[in-house]
Amino acid sequence: MVLSSSYSRKQYLKFFQDELLPEDFEIHEEKIETEFQKKFIKSIYKIGECPSLEIVIYEITHTSEHDPRISLSRESFRLLS
């Protein structure tokens, strides 16, 4: 896995499944709708989960051309709560 390459959902899922997470990792491709107003988040997908580690993996795309890490973090924490 080359982290400096462009993002590819398929490559990340392969990495999670083959190298990083245990055998019970399950791939999902489920669009998540939120009840709150999003400022920078364009879309949210649940792309996988690992029951034994109690981990859910989300893919979040954003609309900002700048570095919106703080705002995205706030919106992401709202999603998780």
N, C-alpha and C. Protein backbone atom coordinates (compact mmCIF):
# COMPACT_ATOMS: atom_id res chain seq x y z
N MET A 1 0.84 -1.18 0.00
CA MET A 1 0.00 0.00 0.00
C MET A 1 0.89 1.24 0.00
N VAL A 2 0.69 2.09 -0.97
CA VAL A 2 1.44 3.34 -1.07
C VAL A 2 0.50 4.48 -0.69
N LEU A 3 0.70 5.05 0.50
CA LEU A 3 -0.22 6.07 1.00
C LEU A 3 -0.11 7.39 0.26
N SER A 4 0.96 7.61 -0.46
CA SER A 4 1.10 8.85 -1.22
C SER A 4 0.39 8.80 -2.57
N SER A 5 -0.14 7.64 -2.95
CA SER A 5 -0.90 7.50 -4.19
C SER A 5 -2.29 8.11 -4.03
N SER A 6 -2.95 8.36 -5.14
CA SER A 6 -4.32 8.84 -5.10
C SER A 6 -5.21 7.82 -4.40
N TYR A 7 -6.24 8.32 -3.72
CA TYR A 7 -7.15 7.45 -2.99
C TYR A 7 -7.93 6.55 -3.94
N SER A 8 -8.04 5.28 -3.56
CA SER A 8 -8.85 4.30 -4.28
C SER A 8 -9.54 3.43 -3.24
N ARG A 9 -10.86 3.47 -3.20
CA ARG A 9 -11.61 2.66 -2.24
C ARG A 9 -11.23 1.20 -2.37
N LYS A 10 -11.14 0.72 -3.60
CA LYS A 10 -10.83 -0.69 -3.85
C LYS A 10 -9.47 -1.07 -3.24
N GLN A 11 -8.45 -0.23 -3.43
CA GLN A 11 -7.13 -0.52 -2.88
C GLN A 11 -7.13 -0.52 -1.35
N TYR A 12 -7.82 0.45 -0.75
CA TYR A 12 -7.88 0.49 0.70
C TYR A 12 -8.61 -0.71 1.27
N LEU A 13 -9.73 -1.10 0.66
CA LEU A 13 -10.45 -2.28 1.14
C LEU A 13 -9.60 -3.53 1.02
N LYS A 14 -8.85 -3.65 -0.05
CA LYS A 14 -7.94 -4.80 -0.20
C LYS A 14 -6.88 -4.79 0.90
N PHE A 15 -6.33 -3.62 1.19
CA PHE A 15 -5.33 -3.49 2.25
C PHE A 15 -5.92 -3.87 3.60
N PHE A 16 -7.11 -3.35 3.92
CA PHE A 16 -7.76 -3.68 5.19
C PHE A 16 -8.00 -5.18 5.29
N GLN A 17 -8.51 -5.77 4.21
CA GLN A 17 -8.88 -7.18 4.20
C GLN A 17 -7.68 -8.11 4.22
N ASP A 18 -6.64 -7.79 3.44
CA ASP A 18 -5.53 -8.71 3.26
C ASP A 18 -4.37 -8.49 4.24
N GLU A 19 -4.20 -7.26 4.72
CA GLU A 19 -3.00 -6.97 5.50
C GLU A 19 -3.22 -6.39 6.90
N LEU A 20 -4.29 -5.67 7.10
CA LEU A 20 -4.40 -4.91 8.34
C LEU A 20 -5.35 -5.51 9.36
N LEU A 21 -6.52 -5.95 8.93
CA LEU A 21 -7.57 -6.35 9.87
C LEU A 21 -7.74 -7.87 9.89
N PRO A 22 -8.34 -8.39 10.97
CA PRO A 22 -8.56 -9.84 11.09
C PRO A 22 -9.52 -10.37 10.03
N GLU A 23 -9.65 -11.68 10.01
CA GLU A 23 -10.45 -12.37 9.00
C GLU A 23 -11.93 -12.03 9.02
N ASP A 24 -12.43 -11.51 10.16
CA ASP A 24 -13.86 -11.21 10.23
C ASP A 24 -14.19 -9.83 9.66
N PHE A 25 -13.22 -9.15 9.02
CA PHE A 25 -13.50 -7.87 8.37
C PHE A 25 -14.49 -8.09 7.24
N GLU A 26 -15.54 -7.28 7.22
CA GLU A 26 -16.58 -7.39 6.21
C GLU A 26 -16.65 -6.10 5.40
N ILE A 27 -16.70 -6.23 4.10
CA ILE A 27 -16.82 -5.06 3.22
C ILE A 27 -18.30 -4.71 3.07
N HIS A 28 -18.59 -3.42 3.21
CA HIS A 28 -19.94 -2.89 3.00
C HIS A 28 -19.81 -1.70 2.06
N GLU A 29 -20.83 -1.40 1.36
CA GLU A 29 -20.87 -0.17 0.56
C GLU A 29 -22.26 0.41 0.76
N GLU A 30 -22.42 1.10 1.88
CA GLU A 30 -23.72 1.63 2.28
C GLU A 30 -23.63 3.15 2.43
N LYS A 31 -24.45 3.88 1.68
CA LYS A 31 -24.48 5.33 1.79
C LYS A 31 -25.16 5.70 3.11
N ILE A 32 -24.55 6.61 3.86
CA ILE A 32 -25.06 7.03 5.16
C ILE A 32 -25.69 8.41 5.01
N GLU A 33 -26.91 8.54 5.45
CA GLU A 33 -27.59 9.83 5.49
C GLU A 33 -27.55 10.34 6.92
N THR A 34 -27.37 11.63 7.09
CA THR A 34 -27.30 12.22 8.42
C THR A 34 -28.52 13.10 8.68
N GLU A 35 -28.80 13.30 9.95
CA GLU A 35 -29.92 14.16 10.34
C GLU A 35 -29.45 15.59 10.57
N PHE A 36 -28.16 15.82 10.54
CA PHE A 36 -27.64 17.16 10.80
C PHE A 36 -27.15 17.80 9.50
N GLN A 37 -27.12 19.13 9.52
CA GLN A 37 -26.66 19.91 8.37
C GLN A 37 -25.14 19.78 8.25
N LYS A 38 -24.66 19.42 7.06
CA LYS A 38 -23.23 19.27 6.83
C LYS A 38 -22.73 20.48 6.06
N LYS A 39 -21.61 21.04 6.51
CA LYS A 39 -21.04 22.20 5.84
C LYS A 39 -20.02 21.79 4.77
N PHE A 40 -19.13 20.87 5.10
CA PHE A 40 -18.07 20.47 4.18
C PHE A 40 -18.21 19.04 3.66
N ILE A 41 -18.89 18.19 4.39
CA ILE A 41 -19.00 16.78 3.98
C ILE A 41 -19.96 16.68 2.80
N LYS A 42 -19.47 16.04 1.73
CA LYS A 42 -20.28 15.84 0.53
C LYS A 42 -21.04 14.51 0.61
N SER A 43 -20.34 13.44 0.99
CA SER A 43 -20.98 12.13 1.10
C SER A 43 -20.26 11.28 2.14
N ILE A 44 -21.03 10.34 2.70
CA ILE A 44 -20.50 9.42 3.70
C ILE A 44 -20.93 8.01 3.30
N TYR A 45 -19.96 7.11 3.26
CA TYR A 45 -20.25 5.70 3.00
C TYR A 45 -19.63 4.85 4.09
N LYS A 46 -20.39 3.89 4.56
CA LYS A 46 -19.84 2.86 5.42
C LYS A 46 -19.25 1.84 4.47
N ILE A 47 -17.92 1.65 4.52
CA ILE A 47 -17.28 0.75 3.54
C ILE A 47 -16.80 -0.56 4.17
N GLY A 48 -16.87 -0.67 5.49
CA GLY A 48 -16.47 -1.92 6.10
C GLY A 48 -16.64 -1.91 7.59
N GLU A 49 -16.55 -3.09 8.18
CA GLU A 49 -16.57 -3.21 9.63
C GLU A 49 -15.89 -4.50 10.07
N CYS A 50 -15.37 -4.46 11.27
CA CYS A 50 -14.70 -5.62 11.85
C CYS A 50 -15.31 -5.88 13.22
N PRO A 51 -16.22 -6.85 13.32
CA PRO A 51 -16.92 -7.11 14.57
C PRO A 51 -16.01 -7.44 15.75
N SER A 52 -14.96 -8.20 15.53
CA SER A 52 -14.09 -8.60 16.65
C SER A 52 -13.35 -7.41 17.26
N LEU A 53 -13.09 -6.38 16.48
CA LEU A 53 -12.42 -5.17 16.97
C LEU A 53 -13.40 -4.04 17.23
N GLU A 54 -14.68 -4.27 16.92
CA GLU A 54 -15.73 -3.26 17.07
C GLU A 54 -15.36 -1.97 16.33
N ILE A 55 -14.91 -2.13 15.07
CA ILE A 55 -14.50 -1.01 14.24
C ILE A 55 -15.42 -0.91 13.02
N VAL A 56 -15.85 0.30 12.74
CA VAL A 56 -16.59 0.59 11.52
C VAL A 56 -15.75 1.56 10.72
N ILE A 57 -15.63 1.34 9.41
CA ILE A 57 -14.80 2.19 8.56
C ILE A 57 -15.70 2.98 7.62
N TYR A 58 -15.53 4.29 7.67
CA TYR A 58 -16.30 5.19 6.83
C TYR A 58 -15.40 5.86 5.80
N GLU A 59 -15.97 6.15 4.67
CA GLU A 59 -15.31 6.95 3.64
C GLU A 59 -16.09 8.27 3.56
N ILE A 60 -15.39 9.37 3.80
CA ILE A 60 -16.03 10.68 3.79
C ILE A 60 -15.37 11.53 2.71
N THR A 61 -16.18 12.06 1.81
CA THR A 61 -15.67 12.99 0.81
C THR A 61 -16.15 14.38 1.17
N HIS A 62 -15.34 15.37 0.82
CA HIS A 62 -15.70 16.74 1.19
C HIS A 62 -15.65 17.65 -0.02
N THR A 63 -16.21 18.85 0.16
CA THR A 63 -16.33 19.81 -0.93
C THR A 63 -15.30 20.92 -0.88
N SER A 64 -14.55 21.02 0.19
CA SER A 64 -13.63 22.14 0.35
C SER A 64 -12.37 21.96 -0.51
N GLU A 65 -11.91 23.05 -1.09
CA GLU A 65 -10.67 23.03 -1.85
C GLU A 65 -9.47 23.31 -0.94
N HIS A 66 -9.73 23.78 0.25
CA HIS A 66 -8.67 24.09 1.21
C HIS A 66 -8.54 22.94 2.20
N ASP A 67 -7.86 23.17 3.28
CA ASP A 67 -7.62 22.13 4.29
C ASP A 67 -8.63 22.26 5.43
N PRO A 68 -9.78 21.57 5.32
CA PRO A 68 -10.85 21.73 6.32
C PRO A 68 -10.80 20.70 7.45
N ARG A 69 -9.61 20.32 7.89
CA ARG A 69 -9.51 19.22 8.86
C ARG A 69 -10.31 19.44 10.13
N ILE A 70 -10.28 20.65 10.68
CA ILE A 70 -10.99 20.89 11.93
C ILE A 70 -12.49 20.77 11.72
N SER A 71 -13.01 21.40 10.69
CA SER A 71 -14.45 21.32 10.41
C SER A 71 -14.89 19.90 10.08
N LEU A 72 -14.08 19.20 9.29
CA LEU A 72 -14.41 17.80 8.97
C LEU A 72 -14.38 16.93 10.22
N SER A 73 -13.43 17.18 11.10
CA SER A 73 -13.36 16.42 12.35
C SER A 73 -14.61 16.64 13.18
N ARG A 74 -15.04 17.88 13.29
CA ARG A 74 -16.25 18.17 14.06
C ARG A 74 -17.47 17.47 13.47
N GLU A 75 -17.62 17.56 12.16
CA GLU A 75 -18.75 16.90 11.51
C GLU A 75 -18.67 15.38 11.63
N SER A 76 -17.47 14.83 11.56
CA SER A 76 -17.27 13.39 11.70
C SER A 76 -17.63 12.92 13.11
N PHE A 77 -17.25 13.69 14.11
CA PHE A 77 -17.62 13.32 15.49
C PHE A 77 -19.12 13.39 15.71
N ARG A 78 -19.78 14.33 15.04
CA ARG A 78 -21.26 14.37 15.12
C ARG A 78 -21.83 13.10 14.52
N LEU A 79 -21.27 12.64 13.42
CA LEU A 79 -21.73 11.40 12.81
C LEU A 79 -21.57 10.22 13.76
N LEU A 80 -20.42 10.14 14.42
CA LEU A 80 -20.14 9.01 15.30
C LEU A 80 -20.99 9.03 16.57
N SER A 81 -21.40 10.21 17.00
CA SER A 81 -22.23 10.27 18.22
C SER A 81 -23.66 9.94 17.86
